[in-house]
Amino acid sequence: ARVAAVAAAAAAAAHPANTEWAELGCLAVNQKFRNLGRGEAMLGYLQRIALKQGVRYLFCLSTHTMQWFVERGFKEVPLAQLPESRIQAFNWKRNSKCFAKTLSSDRDLDAQELFWGA
């Protein structure tokens, strides 16, 4: 019998007041599928979609997986650098750190992906 399982899920959304910014609101990989490149594939796909929609900056908030994002080109940034609408909605109780990445071109993303996990 075949068992259905979600391997990975991710979501990103541009901010209506500042469409140059998009938030990676969720990126999760089922434990059974970790270390198989699923997270990288989801991130790469979302970055390319964001670029096509005119997004220049992708950001995320994280409480646990900071190193994973840093290894994929994100840099820790102050909350004040994010779009005003996201600053207003920030949940201080979660103690999240903010990370952002500049998206410039598909070619640059291709080059960066060559070094993920290296």
Foldseek 3Di string as FASTA:
>chain_A
DDDDDDAKDWDKAADPVHRLEIEGEDIDGDPVNPPVCPSVVVVLVVLVVSVVSNHFKYKYWDDPPVVLVVLQAKDFDDLVVDDPVVSVVDDVVSVTTMIMHTRDDNVVNVVSVVRRVD
